Structures are given as structure tokens and as C-alpha cells.
Amino acid sequence: MTLKGQVRYRDLEGGVWVLETEDGQTYQLAGGDRKLKQDGRNVEVDGDTDSGAVTAQMVGPVFTVRTYRFV
């Protein structure tokens, strides 16, 4: 699955990195490296969702990043 959007940091329960997609969906990011985790960067990410995962932040489905590129 490929998604495009903006990386955002949310200060919830110790902090969490999310992807806000162009269509308004929010995914909690898992994986990727620290280069990806820069607030405000526009990216295209490829990976898989784990909609059954439960996290402390509960900001949206967990998206495990395989690859990414800045756009």
C-alpha cells in the first residue's frame, strides 16, 4: 500500500509520529528511520497497515513503513 501525506509529531502519551494523508486520514507510523520522522515533511510511504494493533496513543491504524521518499 502506498500513501502520500505529511509527517507530523503529536505530543500524546510520550509522543507519536503520524502520517496525515492528502484525503484526511491519520496513520500512526511504525518503522522508518529518524530521517523520515521530521515534522512537516511531505512524503510518499510504502508499507502495510495493521488495523488490529492497539497502541497507547490510538491516533489511527498503525502503518508499518517499508520504504519512503520525500516529495
N, C-alpha and C. Protein backbone atom coordinates (compact mmCIF):
# COMPACT_ATOMS: atom_id res chain seq x y z
N MET A 1 0.85 -1.16 0.00
CA MET A 1 0.00 0.00 0.00
C MET A 1 0.90 1.24 0.00
N THR A 2 0.56 2.22 -0.82
CA THR A 2 1.32 3.46 -0.90
C THR A 2 0.44 4.63 -0.47
N LEU A 3 0.98 5.48 0.39
CA LEU A 3 0.26 6.65 0.89
C LEU A 3 1.10 7.89 0.70
N LYS A 4 0.45 9.01 0.46
CA LYS A 4 1.12 10.31 0.39
C LYS A 4 0.54 11.21 1.46
N GLY A 5 1.41 12.01 2.08
CA GLY A 5 0.93 12.94 3.08
C GLY A 5 2.05 13.65 3.77
N GLN A 6 1.73 14.16 4.95
CA GLN A 6 2.68 14.95 5.72
C GLN A 6 2.94 14.27 7.06
N VAL A 7 4.22 14.18 7.40
CA VAL A 7 4.63 13.61 8.69
C VAL A 7 4.39 14.66 9.77
N ARG A 8 3.79 14.23 10.87
CA ARG A 8 3.51 15.14 11.99
C ARG A 8 3.87 14.45 13.31
N TYR A 9 4.36 15.27 14.24
CA TYR A 9 4.63 14.78 15.59
C TYR A 9 3.49 15.23 16.48
N ARG A 10 2.93 14.29 17.23
CA ARG A 10 1.87 14.62 18.19
C ARG A 10 2.36 14.28 19.59
N ASP A 11 2.22 15.22 20.48
CA ASP A 11 2.70 15.05 21.86
C ASP A 11 1.62 14.38 22.71
N LEU A 12 1.39 13.11 22.44
CA LEU A 12 0.40 12.32 23.16
C LEU A 12 1.09 11.13 23.82
N GLU A 13 0.85 10.92 25.09
CA GLU A 13 1.35 9.72 25.78
C GLU A 13 2.81 9.42 25.45
N GLY A 14 3.67 10.40 25.57
CA GLY A 14 5.09 10.19 25.30
C GLY A 14 5.51 10.54 23.89
N GLY A 15 4.57 10.93 23.06
CA GLY A 15 4.88 11.34 21.69
C GLY A 15 4.65 10.25 20.68
N VAL A 16 4.21 10.65 19.50
CA VAL A 16 3.94 9.70 18.43
C VAL A 16 4.09 10.41 17.09
N TRP A 17 4.64 9.69 16.12
CA TRP A 17 4.77 10.20 14.76
C TRP A 17 3.61 9.66 13.94
N VAL A 18 2.96 10.54 13.19
CA VAL A 18 1.82 10.14 12.37
C VAL A 18 2.01 10.63 10.95
N LEU A 19 1.25 10.02 10.05
CA LEU A 19 1.16 10.48 8.68
C LEU A 19 -0.27 10.97 8.48
N GLU A 20 -0.39 12.24 8.11
CA GLU A 20 -1.69 12.81 7.76
C GLU A 20 -1.77 12.80 6.24
N THR A 21 -2.65 11.95 5.69
CA THR A 21 -2.72 11.78 4.24
C THR A 21 -3.46 12.93 3.58
N GLU A 22 -3.33 12.99 2.27
CA GLU A 22 -3.96 14.04 1.48
C GLU A 22 -5.48 14.02 1.60
N ASP A 23 -6.05 12.84 1.88
CA ASP A 23 -7.51 12.74 1.98
C ASP A 23 -8.01 12.84 3.43
N GLY A 24 -7.13 13.23 4.35
CA GLY A 24 -7.56 13.49 5.72
C GLY A 24 -7.46 12.33 6.70
N GLN A 25 -6.94 11.20 6.27
CA GLN A 25 -6.76 10.06 7.16
C GLN A 25 -5.48 10.24 7.97
N THR A 26 -5.46 9.64 9.16
CA THR A 26 -4.28 9.69 10.02
C THR A 26 -3.83 8.27 10.33
N TYR A 27 -2.54 8.02 10.15
CA TYR A 27 -1.94 6.71 10.44
C TYR A 27 -0.79 6.90 11.41
N GLN A 28 -0.68 6.03 12.39
CA GLN A 28 0.48 6.05 13.28
C GLN A 28 1.62 5.35 12.58
N LEU A 29 2.78 6.02 12.49
CA LEU A 29 3.92 5.45 11.78
C LEU A 29 4.71 4.50 12.65
N ALA A 30 5.02 3.35 12.09
CA ALA A 30 5.92 2.38 12.71
C ALA A 30 7.00 2.09 11.68
N GLY A 31 8.21 1.96 12.12
CA GLY A 31 9.31 1.72 11.19
C GLY A 31 9.81 3.03 10.62
N GLY A 32 10.58 2.93 9.57
CA GLY A 32 11.23 4.12 9.04
C GLY A 32 12.41 4.48 9.94
N ASP A 33 13.15 5.48 9.57
CA ASP A 33 14.29 5.90 10.37
C ASP A 33 14.09 7.35 10.81
N ARG A 34 15.08 7.91 11.49
CA ARG A 34 14.91 9.27 12.01
C ARG A 34 14.85 10.31 10.91
N LYS A 35 15.36 10.00 9.72
CA LYS A 35 15.24 10.95 8.61
C LYS A 35 13.78 11.14 8.20
N LEU A 36 13.01 10.07 8.28
CA LEU A 36 11.58 10.14 7.96
C LEU A 36 10.84 10.98 8.99
N LYS A 37 11.23 10.88 10.23
CA LYS A 37 10.49 11.49 11.34
C LYS A 37 10.92 12.94 11.54
N GLN A 38 10.48 13.78 10.60
CA GLN A 38 10.72 15.22 10.62
C GLN A 38 9.38 15.91 10.43
N ASP A 39 8.95 16.62 11.45
CA ASP A 39 7.64 17.26 11.43
C ASP A 39 7.49 18.19 10.22
N GLY A 40 6.40 17.98 9.49
CA GLY A 40 6.09 18.85 8.35
C GLY A 40 6.58 18.37 7.01
N ARG A 41 7.36 17.29 6.96
CA ARG A 41 7.88 16.79 5.68
C ARG A 41 6.79 16.10 4.88
N ASN A 42 6.73 16.37 3.59
CA ASN A 42 5.82 15.69 2.68
C ASN A 42 6.50 14.43 2.17
N VAL A 43 5.79 13.31 2.28
CA VAL A 43 6.39 12.04 1.92
C VAL A 43 5.42 11.14 1.16
N GLU A 44 6.00 10.15 0.52
CA GLU A 44 5.25 9.04 -0.04
C GLU A 44 5.83 7.80 0.63
N VAL A 45 4.99 7.02 1.28
CA VAL A 45 5.46 5.84 2.00
C VAL A 45 4.81 4.60 1.43
N ASP A 46 5.55 3.52 1.47
CA ASP A 46 5.05 2.21 1.05
C ASP A 46 5.15 1.29 2.25
N GLY A 47 4.10 0.52 2.50
CA GLY A 47 4.09 -0.40 3.62
C GLY A 47 2.73 -1.05 3.79
N ASP A 48 2.45 -1.45 5.01
CA ASP A 48 1.22 -2.17 5.32
C ASP A 48 0.57 -1.61 6.58
N THR A 49 -0.76 -1.68 6.63
CA THR A 49 -1.47 -1.26 7.83
C THR A 49 -1.76 -2.47 8.71
N ASP A 50 -1.82 -2.23 10.00
CA ASP A 50 -2.20 -3.24 10.97
C ASP A 50 -3.35 -2.64 11.78
N SER A 51 -4.56 -2.69 11.21
CA SER A 51 -5.71 -2.05 11.82
C SER A 51 -6.10 -2.70 13.15
N GLY A 52 -5.60 -3.89 13.42
CA GLY A 52 -5.92 -4.57 14.67
C GLY A 52 -4.97 -4.22 15.81
N ALA A 53 -3.91 -3.50 15.52
CA ALA A 53 -2.92 -3.16 16.55
C ALA A 53 -3.51 -2.14 17.53
N VAL A 54 -3.18 -2.31 18.79
CA VAL A 54 -3.63 -1.39 19.84
C VAL A 54 -2.41 -0.67 20.39
N THR A 55 -2.47 0.66 20.44
CA THR A 55 -1.37 1.45 20.96
C THR A 55 -1.88 2.40 22.03
N ALA A 56 -0.97 2.95 22.81
CA ALA A 56 -1.35 3.90 23.86
C ALA A 56 -1.92 5.18 23.28
N GLN A 57 -1.46 5.59 22.10
CA GLN A 57 -1.87 6.86 21.53
C GLN A 57 -3.21 6.78 20.80
N MET A 58 -3.51 5.67 20.18
CA MET A 58 -4.78 5.47 19.47
C MET A 58 -5.13 6.62 18.52
N VAL A 59 -4.19 6.99 17.65
CA VAL A 59 -4.41 8.09 16.72
C VAL A 59 -4.88 7.63 15.35
N GLY A 60 -4.88 6.33 15.12
CA GLY A 60 -5.29 5.78 13.84
C GLY A 60 -4.63 4.44 13.64
N PRO A 61 -4.92 3.78 12.52
CA PRO A 61 -4.29 2.50 12.24
C PRO A 61 -2.76 2.63 12.22
N VAL A 62 -2.08 1.58 12.63
CA VAL A 62 -0.62 1.56 12.59
C VAL A 62 -0.18 1.22 11.17
N PHE A 63 0.70 2.05 10.62
CA PHE A 63 1.24 1.84 9.28
C PHE A 63 2.72 1.53 9.41
N THR A 64 3.10 0.31 9.03
CA THR A 64 4.49 -0.10 9.10
C THR A 64 5.18 0.25 7.77
N VAL A 65 6.15 1.13 7.86
CA VAL A 65 6.84 1.67 6.68
C VAL A 65 7.90 0.69 6.20
N ARG A 66 7.84 0.36 4.91
CA ARG A 66 8.91 -0.43 4.28
C ARG A 66 9.90 0.51 3.59
N THR A 67 9.38 1.43 2.80
CA THR A 67 10.22 2.41 2.11
C THR A 67 9.51 3.75 2.12
N TYR A 68 10.30 4.81 1.89
CA TYR A 68 9.71 6.14 1.81
C TYR A 68 10.56 7.01 0.92
N ARG A 69 9.95 8.10 0.44
CA ARG A 69 10.69 9.12 -0.29
C ARG A 69 10.03 10.46 -0.02
N PHE A 70 10.84 11.50 -0.01
CA PHE A 70 10.32 12.85 0.20
C PHE A 70 9.80 13.39 -1.13
N VAL A 71 8.67 14.06 -1.08
CA VAL A 71 8.06 14.62 -2.29
C VAL A 71 7.83 16.12 -2.12
